[in-house]
Amino acid sequence: MSTLLTIDRYLHRSGISLEGIGIDLPELAEPHPNRIPFRGILTKLNQPSTRPPGGSEGHRVQIPADVAQAALNSLIGMPVNFSDDFSDHEKRQPIGTITEAHIAGDDLNVSGYLYGKNFPSEVAYIKSNKANLGMSYEIGEVEIDSTDSTIWTLNHLLFTGAAILYKDKAAYQQTSVHAAADDIHEQLLVAHVRHLGLQIGRLATSAQRTRAWKTRKFSTHSRR
């Protein structure tokens, strides 16, 4: 079940105070090798696409922000796919899952996890080629304002997935994708540092309580 999350919960931070939709996965004691965090700009809103997306009969399209907001729930749990050469969509080849989505200005941002154990070389490629890669949406149940218009404005849609591909192959070339902490050793180091910090915090708290107890005991004895 999706829940309302404040913006500081997201991997993709924004300076704008907004809320978005997302789900929390169970926390693990150690980083999961098949759950590599990613974030990205799925599409631009309120502006025509750079090129016609698939299924638009050669028309450039635009999605108003309010239409995207109404469809935000449908993004959660949807697959992220890729083709072997990162030039197209390949719905039969999922590499990840979207778990969070929010709108900041004209950017529809998503984040989630990539399957780093299933696709280690592909996830490594995404990390090292983030300057050239972007994202592209997949939609269904589309309603268009007017099919006679040069640029189709979508009045309704349902998100059914997304793809990671080269920016110049996407409908919007201003999209982006970034795989965060996709090295399992880096994740383990972060986890151990976090665990060490918690242990130090507990020791400091215990020491403070011990000092406070000794102080109270001394004060009690000094009044006798």
N, C-alpha and C. Protein backbone atom coordinates (compact mmCIF):
# COMPACT_ATOMS: atom_id res chain seq x y z
N MET A 1 0.84 -1.18 0.00
CA MET A 1 0.00 0.00 0.00
C MET A 1 0.88 1.24 0.00
N SER A 2 0.61 2.18 -0.91
CA SER A 2 1.43 3.37 -0.99
C SER A 2 1.11 4.32 0.15
N THR A 3 2.09 5.09 0.55
CA THR A 3 1.93 6.04 1.63
C THR A 3 2.47 7.39 1.22
N LEU A 4 2.04 8.42 1.93
CA LEU A 4 2.51 9.77 1.66
C LEU A 4 3.82 9.98 2.39
N LEU A 5 4.85 10.37 1.63
CA LEU A 5 6.17 10.57 2.22
C LEU A 5 6.62 12.00 2.00
N THR A 6 7.23 12.60 3.00
CA THR A 6 7.77 13.94 2.82
C THR A 6 9.02 13.90 1.98
N ILE A 7 9.37 15.04 1.40
CA ILE A 7 10.43 15.08 0.40
C ILE A 7 11.78 14.64 0.94
N ASP A 8 12.03 14.82 2.25
CA ASP A 8 13.35 14.45 2.76
C ASP A 8 13.53 12.95 2.89
N ARG A 9 12.48 12.18 2.57
CA ARG A 9 12.60 10.73 2.56
C ARG A 9 13.17 10.22 1.25
N TYR A 10 13.21 11.08 0.23
CA TYR A 10 13.55 10.62 -1.10
C TYR A 10 15.05 10.63 -1.36
N LEU A 11 15.50 9.69 -2.21
CA LEU A 11 16.89 9.69 -2.64
C LEU A 11 17.18 10.92 -3.48
N HIS A 12 16.18 11.35 -4.26
CA HIS A 12 16.35 12.54 -5.09
C HIS A 12 15.82 13.73 -4.30
N ARG A 13 16.72 14.48 -3.69
CA ARG A 13 16.32 15.59 -2.83
C ARG A 13 15.93 16.81 -3.67
N SER A 14 15.07 17.62 -3.15
CA SER A 14 14.65 18.84 -3.82
C SER A 14 14.63 19.97 -2.81
N GLY A 15 14.97 21.17 -3.26
CA GLY A 15 14.92 22.32 -2.39
C GLY A 15 13.51 22.81 -2.18
N ILE A 16 12.56 22.29 -2.95
CA ILE A 16 11.17 22.70 -2.84
C ILE A 16 10.47 21.80 -1.83
N SER A 17 9.66 22.40 -0.96
CA SER A 17 8.95 21.62 0.04
C SER A 17 7.72 20.99 -0.61
N LEU A 18 7.80 19.72 -0.91
CA LEU A 18 6.72 19.00 -1.56
C LEU A 18 6.50 17.67 -0.87
N GLU A 19 5.43 17.00 -1.27
CA GLU A 19 5.19 15.66 -0.80
C GLU A 19 5.07 14.75 -2.00
N GLY A 20 5.33 13.48 -1.80
CA GLY A 20 5.26 12.53 -2.89
C GLY A 20 4.70 11.21 -2.41
N ILE A 21 4.69 10.25 -3.31
CA ILE A 21 4.14 8.94 -3.03
C ILE A 21 5.26 7.92 -2.99
N GLY A 22 5.18 6.97 -2.05
CA GLY A 22 6.21 5.95 -1.99
C GLY A 22 5.86 4.84 -1.03
N ILE A 23 6.68 3.80 -1.06
CA ILE A 23 6.53 2.70 -0.13
C ILE A 23 7.86 2.44 0.55
N ASP A 24 7.81 2.02 1.80
CA ASP A 24 9.00 1.68 2.56
C ASP A 24 9.22 0.16 2.48
N LEU A 25 10.40 -0.25 2.08
CA LEU A 25 10.75 -1.66 2.12
C LEU A 25 11.34 -2.00 3.49
N PRO A 26 11.22 -3.24 3.92
CA PRO A 26 11.79 -3.62 5.22
C PRO A 26 13.29 -3.34 5.27
N GLU A 27 13.75 -2.77 6.38
CA GLU A 27 15.17 -2.50 6.54
C GLU A 27 15.92 -3.79 6.85
N LEU A 28 17.15 -3.86 6.36
CA LEU A 28 17.99 -5.03 6.57
C LEU A 28 19.22 -4.66 7.39
N ALA A 29 19.76 -5.64 8.11
CA ALA A 29 20.95 -5.39 8.92
C ALA A 29 22.16 -5.07 8.04
N GLU A 30 22.20 -5.69 6.86
CA GLU A 30 23.29 -5.45 5.91
C GLU A 30 22.69 -5.03 4.57
N PRO A 31 23.42 -4.26 3.75
CA PRO A 31 22.92 -3.87 2.43
C PRO A 31 22.61 -5.09 1.57
N HIS A 32 21.55 -5.01 0.81
CA HIS A 32 21.14 -6.11 -0.07
C HIS A 32 21.84 -5.98 -1.41
N PRO A 33 22.57 -6.99 -1.87
CA PRO A 33 23.32 -6.88 -3.13
C PRO A 33 22.44 -6.77 -4.36
N ASN A 34 21.15 -7.11 -4.22
CA ASN A 34 20.25 -7.04 -5.38
C ASN A 34 19.28 -5.87 -5.25
N ARG A 35 19.60 -4.93 -4.36
CA ARG A 35 18.75 -3.77 -4.13
C ARG A 35 19.64 -2.52 -4.14
N ILE A 36 20.00 -2.05 -5.34
CA ILE A 36 20.88 -0.90 -5.50
C ILE A 36 20.04 0.36 -5.70
N PRO A 37 20.13 1.34 -4.82
CA PRO A 37 19.31 2.54 -4.96
C PRO A 37 19.61 3.30 -6.26
N PHE A 38 18.55 3.83 -6.86
CA PHE A 38 18.71 4.72 -8.01
C PHE A 38 17.71 5.86 -7.89
N ARG A 39 17.99 6.93 -8.61
CA ARG A 39 17.06 8.05 -8.70
C ARG A 39 17.18 8.63 -10.10
N GLY A 40 16.17 9.35 -10.53
CA GLY A 40 16.24 9.92 -11.86
C GLY A 40 15.07 10.84 -12.16
N ILE A 41 15.20 11.60 -13.22
CA ILE A 41 14.10 12.40 -13.76
C ILE A 41 13.46 11.57 -14.86
N LEU A 42 12.24 11.14 -14.63
CA LEU A 42 11.56 10.27 -15.59
C LEU A 42 11.11 11.04 -16.82
N THR A 43 10.60 12.25 -16.61
CA THR A 43 10.14 13.06 -17.73
C THR A 43 10.00 14.52 -17.30
N LYS A 44 9.92 15.40 -18.27
CA LYS A 44 9.62 16.80 -18.02
C LYS A 44 8.11 17.00 -18.18
N LEU A 45 7.56 17.92 -17.42
CA LEU A 45 6.14 18.21 -17.45
C LEU A 45 5.89 19.61 -18.01
N ASN A 46 4.68 19.83 -18.48
CA ASN A 46 4.23 21.15 -18.96
C ASN A 46 5.02 21.63 -20.18
N GLN A 47 5.66 20.74 -20.89
CA GLN A 47 6.41 21.13 -22.08
C GLN A 47 6.46 19.98 -23.08
N PRO A 48 6.53 20.32 -24.38
CA PRO A 48 6.52 19.26 -25.41
C PRO A 48 7.77 18.39 -25.33
N SER A 49 7.61 17.15 -25.71
CA SER A 49 8.74 16.22 -25.74
C SER A 49 9.73 16.64 -26.82
N THR A 50 10.98 16.24 -26.64
CA THR A 50 12.03 16.54 -27.61
C THR A 50 11.74 15.87 -28.95
N ARG A 51 11.25 14.64 -28.87
CA ARG A 51 10.91 13.86 -30.05
C ARG A 51 9.66 13.06 -29.77
N PRO A 52 8.97 12.56 -30.80
CA PRO A 52 7.75 11.79 -30.58
C PRO A 52 8.04 10.47 -29.86
N PRO A 53 7.31 10.18 -28.80
CA PRO A 53 7.49 8.88 -28.13
C PRO A 53 6.79 7.78 -28.92
N GLY A 54 7.11 6.55 -28.61
CA GLY A 54 6.46 5.44 -29.27
C GLY A 54 4.96 5.44 -29.02
N GLY A 55 4.19 5.16 -30.07
CA GLY A 55 2.74 5.10 -29.95
C GLY A 55 2.03 6.42 -30.15
N SER A 56 2.78 7.48 -30.43
CA SER A 56 2.16 8.81 -30.57
C SER A 56 1.89 9.18 -32.03
N GLU A 57 2.08 8.22 -32.92
CA GLU A 57 1.82 8.43 -34.35
C GLU A 57 2.60 9.63 -34.91
N GLY A 58 3.84 9.76 -34.42
CA GLY A 58 4.70 10.82 -34.92
C GLY A 58 4.49 12.18 -34.30
N HIS A 59 3.64 12.26 -33.28
CA HIS A 59 3.36 13.53 -32.61
C HIS A 59 4.25 13.69 -31.37
N ARG A 60 4.74 14.88 -31.16
CA ARG A 60 5.34 15.20 -29.87
C ARG A 60 4.20 15.34 -28.86
N VAL A 61 4.50 15.07 -27.60
CA VAL A 61 3.46 15.09 -26.59
C VAL A 61 3.90 15.93 -25.40
N GLN A 62 2.92 16.31 -24.57
CA GLN A 62 3.25 16.96 -23.31
C GLN A 62 2.26 16.50 -22.24
N ILE A 63 2.78 16.40 -21.01
CA ILE A 63 1.96 15.98 -19.88
C ILE A 63 1.85 17.13 -18.90
N PRO A 64 0.67 17.67 -18.68
CA PRO A 64 0.51 18.71 -17.67
C PRO A 64 0.83 18.17 -16.27
N ALA A 65 1.32 19.03 -15.40
CA ALA A 65 1.73 18.59 -14.06
C ALA A 65 0.56 18.00 -13.27
N ASP A 66 -0.64 18.57 -13.43
CA ASP A 66 -1.78 18.05 -12.67
C ASP A 66 -2.18 16.66 -13.14
N VAL A 67 -1.99 16.38 -14.44
CA VAL A 67 -2.29 15.04 -14.95
C VAL A 67 -1.27 14.04 -14.41
N ALA A 68 0.01 14.43 -14.35
CA ALA A 68 1.05 13.57 -13.80
C ALA A 68 0.81 13.33 -12.31
N GLN A 69 0.40 14.37 -11.59
CA GLN A 69 0.14 14.24 -10.16
C GLN A 69 -0.99 13.24 -9.92
N ALA A 70 -2.03 13.30 -10.73
CA ALA A 70 -3.16 12.39 -10.57
C ALA A 70 -2.76 10.94 -10.84
N ALA A 71 -1.72 10.75 -11.66
CA ALA A 71 -1.27 9.40 -12.01
C ALA A 71 -0.08 8.93 -11.19
N LEU A 72 0.36 9.73 -10.22
CA LEU A 72 1.58 9.43 -9.47
C LEU A 72 1.52 8.07 -8.77
N ASN A 73 0.35 7.73 -8.23
CA ASN A 73 0.20 6.45 -7.54
C ASN A 73 0.53 5.27 -8.42
N SER A 74 0.23 5.40 -9.72
CA SER A 74 0.41 4.26 -10.63
C SER A 74 1.87 3.95 -10.91
N LEU A 75 2.79 4.86 -10.55
CA LEU A 75 4.22 4.62 -10.76
C LEU A 75 4.81 3.63 -9.75
N ILE A 76 4.22 3.58 -8.55
CA ILE A 76 4.81 2.81 -7.48
C ILE A 76 4.70 1.31 -7.76
N GLY A 77 5.85 0.63 -7.69
CA GLY A 77 5.90 -0.80 -7.95
C GLY A 77 6.08 -1.17 -9.41
N MET A 78 6.17 -0.16 -10.29
CA MET A 78 6.31 -0.44 -11.71
C MET A 78 7.76 -0.80 -12.07
N PRO A 79 7.95 -1.64 -13.09
CA PRO A 79 9.29 -2.08 -13.46
C PRO A 79 10.06 -1.04 -14.25
N VAL A 80 11.37 -1.09 -14.12
CA VAL A 80 12.29 -0.30 -14.95
C VAL A 80 13.04 -1.30 -15.83
N ASN A 81 12.98 -1.10 -17.15
CA ASN A 81 13.62 -2.04 -18.05
C ASN A 81 14.73 -1.39 -18.86
N PHE A 82 15.43 -2.18 -19.65
CA PHE A 82 16.49 -1.67 -20.52
C PHE A 82 16.67 -2.63 -21.69
N SER A 83 17.14 -2.13 -22.80
CA SER A 83 17.52 -3.00 -23.91
C SER A 83 19.02 -3.24 -23.84
N ASP A 84 19.49 -4.25 -24.55
CA ASP A 84 20.89 -4.65 -24.45
C ASP A 84 21.86 -3.52 -24.79
N ASP A 85 21.47 -2.66 -25.74
CA ASP A 85 22.34 -1.55 -26.14
C ASP A 85 21.87 -0.21 -25.58
N PHE A 86 20.92 -0.24 -24.64
CA PHE A 86 20.39 0.98 -23.99
C PHE A 86 19.86 1.99 -25.02
N SER A 87 19.28 1.49 -26.11
CA SER A 87 18.76 2.39 -27.14
C SER A 87 17.24 2.39 -27.21
N ASP A 88 16.58 1.52 -26.41
CA ASP A 88 15.13 1.39 -26.54
C ASP A 88 14.55 0.79 -25.26
N HIS A 89 13.23 0.64 -25.26
CA HIS A 89 12.54 -0.07 -24.20
C HIS A 89 12.60 -1.57 -24.49
N GLU A 90 12.65 -2.36 -23.43
CA GLU A 90 12.54 -3.81 -23.54
C GLU A 90 11.79 -4.31 -22.31
N LYS A 91 10.46 -4.39 -22.45
CA LYS A 91 9.60 -4.68 -21.31
C LYS A 91 9.85 -6.07 -20.71
N ARG A 92 10.45 -6.95 -21.48
CA ARG A 92 10.71 -8.31 -20.98
C ARG A 92 12.05 -8.41 -20.27
N GLN A 93 12.70 -7.27 -20.04
CA GLN A 93 14.01 -7.28 -19.40
C GLN A 93 14.06 -6.25 -18.27
N PRO A 94 13.35 -6.51 -17.17
CA PRO A 94 13.33 -5.55 -16.05
C PRO A 94 14.64 -5.58 -15.27
N ILE A 95 15.14 -4.41 -14.96
CA ILE A 95 16.39 -4.28 -14.20
C ILE A 95 16.16 -3.62 -12.85
N GLY A 96 14.93 -3.20 -12.57
CA GLY A 96 14.67 -2.53 -11.30
C GLY A 96 13.20 -2.27 -11.06
N THR A 97 12.93 -1.57 -9.95
CA THR A 97 11.56 -1.27 -9.53
C THR A 97 11.49 0.15 -8.99
N ILE A 98 10.43 0.85 -9.31
CA ILE A 98 10.19 2.20 -8.79
C ILE A 98 9.44 2.08 -7.46
N THR A 99 9.96 2.74 -6.43
CA THR A 99 9.31 2.70 -5.12
C THR A 99 8.87 4.07 -4.63
N GLU A 100 9.34 5.15 -5.27
CA GLU A 100 9.00 6.50 -4.83
C GLU A 100 8.86 7.42 -6.05
N ALA A 101 8.01 8.42 -5.94
CA ALA A 101 7.85 9.38 -7.02
C ALA A 101 7.38 10.72 -6.46
N HIS A 102 7.88 11.80 -7.01
CA HIS A 102 7.40 13.12 -6.63
C HIS A 102 7.66 14.10 -7.76
N ILE A 103 6.95 15.21 -7.73
CA ILE A 103 7.07 16.26 -8.74
C ILE A 103 7.74 17.47 -8.10
N ALA A 104 8.77 17.99 -8.75
CA ALA A 104 9.45 19.20 -8.30
C ALA A 104 9.57 20.13 -9.51
N GLY A 105 8.79 21.19 -9.51
CA GLY A 105 8.78 22.08 -10.67
C GLY A 105 8.24 21.34 -11.87
N ASP A 106 9.01 21.30 -12.95
CA ASP A 106 8.61 20.58 -14.17
C ASP A 106 9.24 19.20 -14.27
N ASP A 107 9.84 18.72 -13.18
CA ASP A 107 10.49 17.41 -13.19
C ASP A 107 9.64 16.38 -12.47
N LEU A 108 9.39 15.26 -13.14
CA LEU A 108 8.78 14.11 -12.48
C LEU A 108 9.92 13.19 -12.06
N ASN A 109 10.19 13.17 -10.77
CA ASN A 109 11.32 12.41 -10.22
C ASN A 109 10.86 11.06 -9.70
N VAL A 110 11.69 10.06 -9.93
CA VAL A 110 11.42 8.73 -9.40
C VAL A 110 12.69 8.20 -8.73
N SER A 111 12.50 7.27 -7.84
CA SER A 111 13.62 6.56 -7.24
C SER A 111 13.17 5.16 -6.88
N GLY A 112 14.13 4.30 -6.64
CA GLY A 112 13.81 2.92 -6.34
C GLY A 112 15.07 2.09 -6.28
N TYR A 113 15.01 0.89 -6.82
CA TYR A 113 16.14 -0.03 -6.72
C TYR A 113 16.40 -0.75 -8.04
N LEU A 114 17.69 -0.95 -8.31
CA LEU A 114 18.11 -1.75 -9.45
C LEU A 114 18.62 -3.10 -8.95
N TYR A 115 18.50 -4.12 -9.80
CA TYR A 115 18.89 -5.47 -9.41
C TYR A 115 20.39 -5.67 -9.68
N GLY A 116 21.18 -5.26 -8.72
CA GLY A 116 22.63 -5.27 -8.89
C GLY A 116 23.25 -6.66 -8.95
N LYS A 117 22.62 -7.64 -8.33
CA LYS A 117 23.15 -9.00 -8.38
C LYS A 117 22.75 -9.70 -9.68
N ASN A 118 21.53 -9.42 -10.14
CA ASN A 118 21.06 -10.03 -11.39
C ASN A 118 21.75 -9.43 -12.61
N PHE A 119 22.03 -8.12 -12.55
CA PHE A 119 22.62 -7.40 -13.69
C PHE A 119 23.83 -6.58 -13.23
N PRO A 120 24.88 -7.22 -12.73
CA PRO A 120 26.02 -6.46 -12.18
C PRO A 120 26.72 -5.58 -13.20
N SER A 121 26.97 -6.08 -14.41
CA SER A 121 27.68 -5.28 -15.41
C SER A 121 26.82 -4.15 -15.93
N GLU A 122 25.50 -4.40 -16.07
CA GLU A 122 24.60 -3.35 -16.57
C GLU A 122 24.44 -2.22 -15.55
N VAL A 123 24.32 -2.59 -14.26
CA VAL A 123 24.21 -1.56 -13.22
C VAL A 123 25.50 -0.76 -13.13
N ALA A 124 26.64 -1.43 -13.26
CA ALA A 124 27.93 -0.73 -13.27
C ALA A 124 28.00 0.22 -14.46
N TYR A 125 27.47 -0.20 -15.59
CA TYR A 125 27.47 0.65 -16.79
C TYR A 125 26.60 1.88 -16.58
N ILE A 126 25.46 1.70 -15.93
CA ILE A 126 24.56 2.84 -15.64
C ILE A 126 25.27 3.85 -14.76
N LYS A 127 26.00 3.36 -13.77
CA LYS A 127 26.71 4.28 -12.87
C LYS A 127 27.80 5.05 -13.61
N SER A 128 28.56 4.38 -14.45
CA SER A 128 29.70 5.03 -15.11
C SER A 128 29.29 5.86 -16.32
N ASN A 129 28.05 5.71 -16.79
CA ASN A 129 27.60 6.45 -17.97
C ASN A 129 26.40 7.34 -17.67
N LYS A 130 26.29 7.80 -16.43
CA LYS A 130 25.14 8.60 -16.04
C LYS A 130 25.02 9.90 -16.83
N ALA A 131 26.14 10.42 -17.36
CA ALA A 131 26.08 11.66 -18.14
C ALA A 131 25.35 11.48 -19.46
N ASN A 132 25.33 10.25 -19.97
CA ASN A 132 24.73 9.98 -21.28
C ASN A 132 23.38 9.29 -21.21
N LEU A 133 23.03 8.77 -20.04
CA LEU A 133 21.80 8.01 -19.92
C LEU A 133 20.68 8.82 -19.29
N GLY A 134 19.46 8.47 -19.67
CA GLY A 134 18.27 9.11 -19.12
C GLY A 134 17.18 8.09 -18.93
N MET A 135 15.94 8.55 -18.86
CA MET A 135 14.81 7.65 -18.65
C MET A 135 13.68 7.99 -19.61
N SER A 136 12.78 7.04 -19.75
CA SER A 136 11.61 7.23 -20.60
C SER A 136 10.44 6.48 -19.97
N TYR A 137 9.26 7.09 -19.99
CA TYR A 137 8.10 6.47 -19.35
C TYR A 137 7.37 5.52 -20.29
N GLU A 138 6.57 4.64 -19.70
CA GLU A 138 5.64 3.78 -20.42
C GLU A 138 4.26 4.02 -19.82
N ILE A 139 3.26 4.23 -20.66
CA ILE A 139 1.93 4.61 -20.17
C ILE A 139 0.83 3.83 -20.90
N GLY A 140 -0.34 3.83 -20.29
CA GLY A 140 -1.52 3.20 -20.88
C GLY A 140 -2.75 4.00 -20.50
N GLU A 141 -3.90 3.59 -21.01
CA GLU A 141 -5.18 4.26 -20.75
C GLU A 141 -5.07 5.77 -21.01
N VAL A 142 -4.46 6.12 -22.12
CA VAL A 142 -4.17 7.52 -22.43
C VAL A 142 -5.39 8.21 -23.04
N GLU A 143 -5.66 9.42 -22.56
CA GLU A 143 -6.68 10.28 -23.17
C GLU A 143 -5.99 11.55 -23.66
N ILE A 144 -6.30 11.97 -24.89
CA ILE A 144 -5.64 13.11 -25.53
C ILE A 144 -6.63 14.25 -25.70
N ASP A 145 -6.17 15.44 -25.45
CA ASP A 145 -7.03 16.62 -25.55
C ASP A 145 -7.60 16.75 -26.95
N SER A 146 -6.73 16.69 -27.97
CA SER A 146 -7.17 16.76 -29.37
C SER A 146 -6.13 16.08 -30.25
N THR A 147 -6.57 15.05 -30.96
CA THR A 147 -5.65 14.36 -31.86
C THR A 147 -5.36 15.18 -33.11
N ASP A 148 -6.08 16.28 -33.30
CA ASP A 148 -5.82 17.15 -34.44
C ASP A 148 -4.69 18.14 -34.17
N SER A 149 -4.27 18.26 -32.93
CA SER A 149 -3.20 19.19 -32.58
C SER A 149 -1.85 18.66 -33.04
N THR A 150 -0.95 19.57 -33.36
CA THR A 150 0.41 19.18 -33.75
C THR A 150 1.12 18.51 -32.58
N ILE A 151 0.92 19.07 -31.38
CA ILE A 151 1.48 18.49 -30.15
C ILE A 151 0.32 17.94 -29.33
N TRP A 152 0.37 16.67 -29.02
CA TRP A 152 -0.69 16.05 -28.23
C TRP A 152 -0.52 16.38 -26.75
N THR A 153 -1.57 16.92 -26.13
CA THR A 153 -1.60 17.15 -24.70
C THR A 153 -2.41 16.03 -24.05
N LEU A 154 -1.79 15.33 -23.10
CA LEU A 154 -2.46 14.20 -22.47
C LEU A 154 -3.33 14.67 -21.31
N ASN A 155 -4.59 14.24 -21.31
CA ASN A 155 -5.52 14.62 -20.25
C ASN A 155 -5.62 13.56 -19.16
N HIS A 156 -5.21 12.35 -19.50
CA HIS A 156 -5.28 11.25 -18.53
C HIS A 156 -4.30 10.18 -18.97
N LEU A 157 -3.72 9.48 -18.00
CA LEU A 157 -2.80 8.38 -18.31
C LEU A 157 -2.61 7.51 -17.08
N LEU A 158 -2.05 6.36 -17.32
CA LEU A 158 -1.66 5.44 -16.26
C LEU A 158 -0.23 5.01 -16.54
N PHE A 159 0.66 5.22 -15.57
CA PHE A 159 2.05 4.79 -15.76
C PHE A 159 2.13 3.27 -15.61
N THR A 160 2.79 2.61 -16.57
CA THR A 160 2.92 1.16 -16.54
C THR A 160 4.37 0.70 -16.43
N GLY A 161 5.31 1.62 -16.45
CA GLY A 161 6.71 1.26 -16.32
C GLY A 161 7.62 2.36 -16.82
N ALA A 162 8.90 2.06 -16.93
CA ALA A 162 9.88 3.03 -17.39
C ALA A 162 11.07 2.28 -17.98
N ALA A 163 11.93 3.01 -18.67
CA ALA A 163 13.14 2.41 -19.24
C ALA A 163 14.32 3.33 -18.98
N ILE A 164 15.48 2.73 -18.85
CA ILE A 164 16.74 3.46 -18.81
C ILE A 164 17.39 3.31 -20.18
N LEU A 165 17.72 4.42 -20.80
CA LEU A 165 18.28 4.40 -22.15
C LEU A 165 19.08 5.67 -22.40
N TYR A 166 19.75 5.73 -23.56
CA TYR A 166 20.51 6.92 -23.89
C TYR A 166 19.58 8.11 -24.03
N LYS A 167 20.03 9.27 -23.57
CA LYS A 167 19.20 10.47 -23.59
C LYS A 167 18.70 10.80 -24.99
N ASP A 168 19.56 10.64 -26.00
CA ASP A 168 19.15 11.01 -27.35
C ASP A 168 18.16 10.01 -27.95
N LYS A 169 17.87 8.92 -27.25
CA LYS A 169 16.87 7.95 -27.69
C LYS A 169 15.55 8.14 -26.96
N ALA A 170 15.55 8.95 -25.91
CA ALA A 170 14.36 9.16 -25.10
C ALA A 170 13.49 10.27 -25.70
N ALA A 171 12.21 10.26 -25.34
CA ALA A 171 11.31 11.30 -25.82
C ALA A 171 11.73 12.67 -25.29
N TYR A 172 12.24 12.68 -24.07
CA TYR A 172 12.76 13.91 -23.46
C TYR A 172 14.25 13.73 -23.22
N GLN A 173 15.05 14.59 -23.81
CA GLN A 173 16.49 14.46 -23.65
C GLN A 173 17.01 15.10 -22.37
N GLN A 174 16.12 15.74 -21.60
CA GLN A 174 16.55 16.38 -20.35
C GLN A 174 16.36 15.47 -19.15
N THR A 175 16.10 14.19 -19.39
CA THR A 175 15.95 13.26 -18.28
C THR A 175 17.32 12.82 -17.77
N SER A 176 17.33 12.09 -16.66
CA SER A 176 18.60 11.65 -16.08
C SER A 176 18.37 10.40 -15.25
N VAL A 177 19.46 9.71 -14.94
CA VAL A 177 19.40 8.56 -14.05
C VAL A 177 20.74 8.46 -13.33
N HIS A 178 20.68 8.07 -12.08
CA HIS A 178 21.91 7.94 -11.28
C HIS A 178 21.74 6.77 -10.32
N ALA A 179 22.64 5.82 -10.39
CA ALA A 179 22.63 4.69 -9.47
C ALA A 179 23.48 5.06 -8.27
N ALA A 180 22.86 5.12 -7.11
CA ALA A 180 23.56 5.55 -5.89
C ALA A 180 24.09 4.35 -5.13
N ALA A 181 25.35 4.46 -4.68
CA ALA A 181 25.98 3.43 -3.85
C ALA A 181 25.77 2.05 -4.43
N ASP A 182 26.08 1.91 -5.73
CA ASP A 182 25.81 0.62 -6.37
C ASP A 182 26.97 -0.35 -6.25
N ASP A 183 27.96 -0.02 -5.46
CA ASP A 183 29.03 -0.96 -5.16
C ASP A 183 28.73 -1.59 -3.80
N ILE A 184 28.56 -2.90 -3.75
CA ILE A 184 28.17 -3.56 -2.51
C ILE A 184 29.18 -3.32 -1.41
N HIS A 185 30.48 -3.23 -1.75
CA HIS A 185 31.49 -2.96 -0.74
C HIS A 185 31.32 -1.56 -0.16
N GLU A 186 30.95 -0.61 -1.03
CA GLU A 186 30.68 0.75 -0.55
C GLU A 186 29.48 0.74 0.38
N GLN A 187 28.45 -0.02 0.02
CA GLN A 187 27.26 -0.10 0.86
C GLN A 187 27.60 -0.72 2.22
N LEU A 188 28.41 -1.78 2.19
CA LEU A 188 28.79 -2.42 3.45
C LEU A 188 29.56 -1.46 4.35
N LEU A 189 30.46 -0.68 3.74
CA LEU A 189 31.23 0.29 4.50
C LEU A 189 30.32 1.32 5.14
N VAL A 190 29.35 1.82 4.36
CA VAL A 190 28.40 2.79 4.90
C VAL A 190 27.61 2.19 6.04
N ALA A 191 27.18 0.93 5.87
CA ALA A 191 26.40 0.27 6.91
C ALA A 191 27.22 0.08 8.18
N HIS A 192 28.48 -0.32 8.02
CA HIS A 192 29.33 -0.54 9.20
C HIS A 192 29.63 0.78 9.90
N VAL A 193 29.84 1.85 9.14
CA VAL A 193 30.08 3.16 9.74
C VAL A 193 28.83 3.60 10.51
N ARG A 194 27.65 3.38 9.89
CA ARG A 194 26.41 3.74 10.57
C ARG A 194 26.25 2.93 11.85
N HIS A 195 26.55 1.62 11.78
CA HIS A 195 26.45 0.76 12.96
C HIS A 195 27.42 1.20 14.03
N LEU A 196 28.65 1.56 13.63
CA LEU A 196 29.65 2.02 14.58
C LEU A 196 29.18 3.31 15.25
N GLY A 197 28.57 4.19 14.45
CA GLY A 197 28.05 5.43 15.02
C GLY A 197 26.98 5.18 16.05
N LEU A 198 26.10 4.19 15.78
CA LEU A 198 25.06 3.85 16.75
C LEU A 198 25.66 3.29 18.03
N GLN A 199 26.70 2.44 17.87
CA GLN A 199 27.35 1.87 19.03
C GLN A 199 28.01 2.95 19.87
N ILE A 200 28.69 3.89 19.23
CA ILE A 200 29.33 4.99 19.95
C ILE A 200 28.28 5.82 20.68
N GLY A 201 27.15 6.04 19.99
CA GLY A 201 26.07 6.81 20.60
C GLY A 201 25.53 6.12 21.84
N ARG A 202 25.37 4.79 21.76
CA ARG A 202 24.88 4.04 22.93
C ARG A 202 25.88 4.08 24.08
N LEU A 203 27.18 3.96 23.75
CA LEU A 203 28.21 4.01 24.78
C LEU A 203 28.23 5.39 25.46
N ALA A 204 28.08 6.44 24.63
CA ALA A 204 28.08 7.80 25.19
C ALA A 204 26.88 8.00 26.12
N THR A 205 25.73 7.49 25.69
CA THR A 205 24.52 7.60 26.52
C THR A 205 24.69 6.83 27.82
N SER A 206 25.27 5.63 27.73
CA SER A 206 25.51 4.81 28.93
C SER A 206 26.46 5.51 29.88
N ALA A 207 27.52 6.12 29.33
CA ALA A 207 28.48 6.83 30.16
C ALA A 207 27.84 8.02 30.86
N GLN A 208 26.98 8.73 30.13
CA GLN A 208 26.29 9.88 30.73
C GLN A 208 25.39 9.43 31.88
N ARG A 209 24.67 8.31 31.68
CA ARG A 209 23.80 7.80 32.73
C ARG A 209 24.60 7.37 33.96
N THR A 210 25.78 6.74 33.70
CA THR A 210 26.63 6.30 34.82
C THR A 210 27.12 7.50 35.62
N ARG A 211 27.57 8.54 34.90
CA ARG A 211 28.04 9.76 35.60
C ARG A 211 26.90 10.40 36.38
N ALA A 212 25.70 10.42 35.78
CA ALA A 212 24.56 11.02 36.47
C ALA A 212 24.21 10.23 37.72
N TRP A 213 24.28 8.89 37.64
CA TRP A 213 23.98 8.04 38.79
C TRP A 213 24.99 8.26 39.90
N LYS A 214 26.29 8.33 39.54
CA LYS A 214 27.33 8.55 40.53
C LYS A 214 27.17 9.91 41.19
N THR A 215 26.79 10.91 40.40
CA THR A 215 26.58 12.26 40.94
C THR A 215 25.44 12.26 41.95
N ARG A 216 24.32 11.59 41.57
CA ARG A 216 23.18 11.53 42.49
C ARG A 216 23.55 10.79 43.78
N LYS A 217 24.31 9.69 43.61
CA LYS A 217 24.70 8.90 44.77
C LYS A 217 25.61 9.71 45.68
N PHE A 218 26.57 10.44 45.11
CA PHE A 218 27.47 11.27 45.90
C PHE A 218 26.69 12.36 46.62
N SER A 219 25.75 12.98 45.92
CA SER A 219 24.96 14.04 46.54
C SER A 219 24.15 13.51 47.70
N THR A 220 23.61 12.28 47.53
CA THR A 220 22.82 11.66 48.61
C THR A 220 23.71 11.41 49.82
N HIS A 221 24.88 10.87 49.64
CA HIS A 221 25.79 10.57 50.72
C HIS A 221 26.27 11.86 51.38
N SER A 222 26.49 12.92 50.61
CA SER A 222 27.06 14.15 51.17
C SER A 222 26.07 14.86 52.07
N ARG A 223 24.74 14.50 51.90
CA ARG A 223 23.75 15.17 52.75
C ARG A 223 23.55 14.44 54.08
N ARG A 224 24.15 13.26 54.20
CA ARG A 224 23.97 12.49 55.45
C ARG A 224 24.82 13.06 56.58
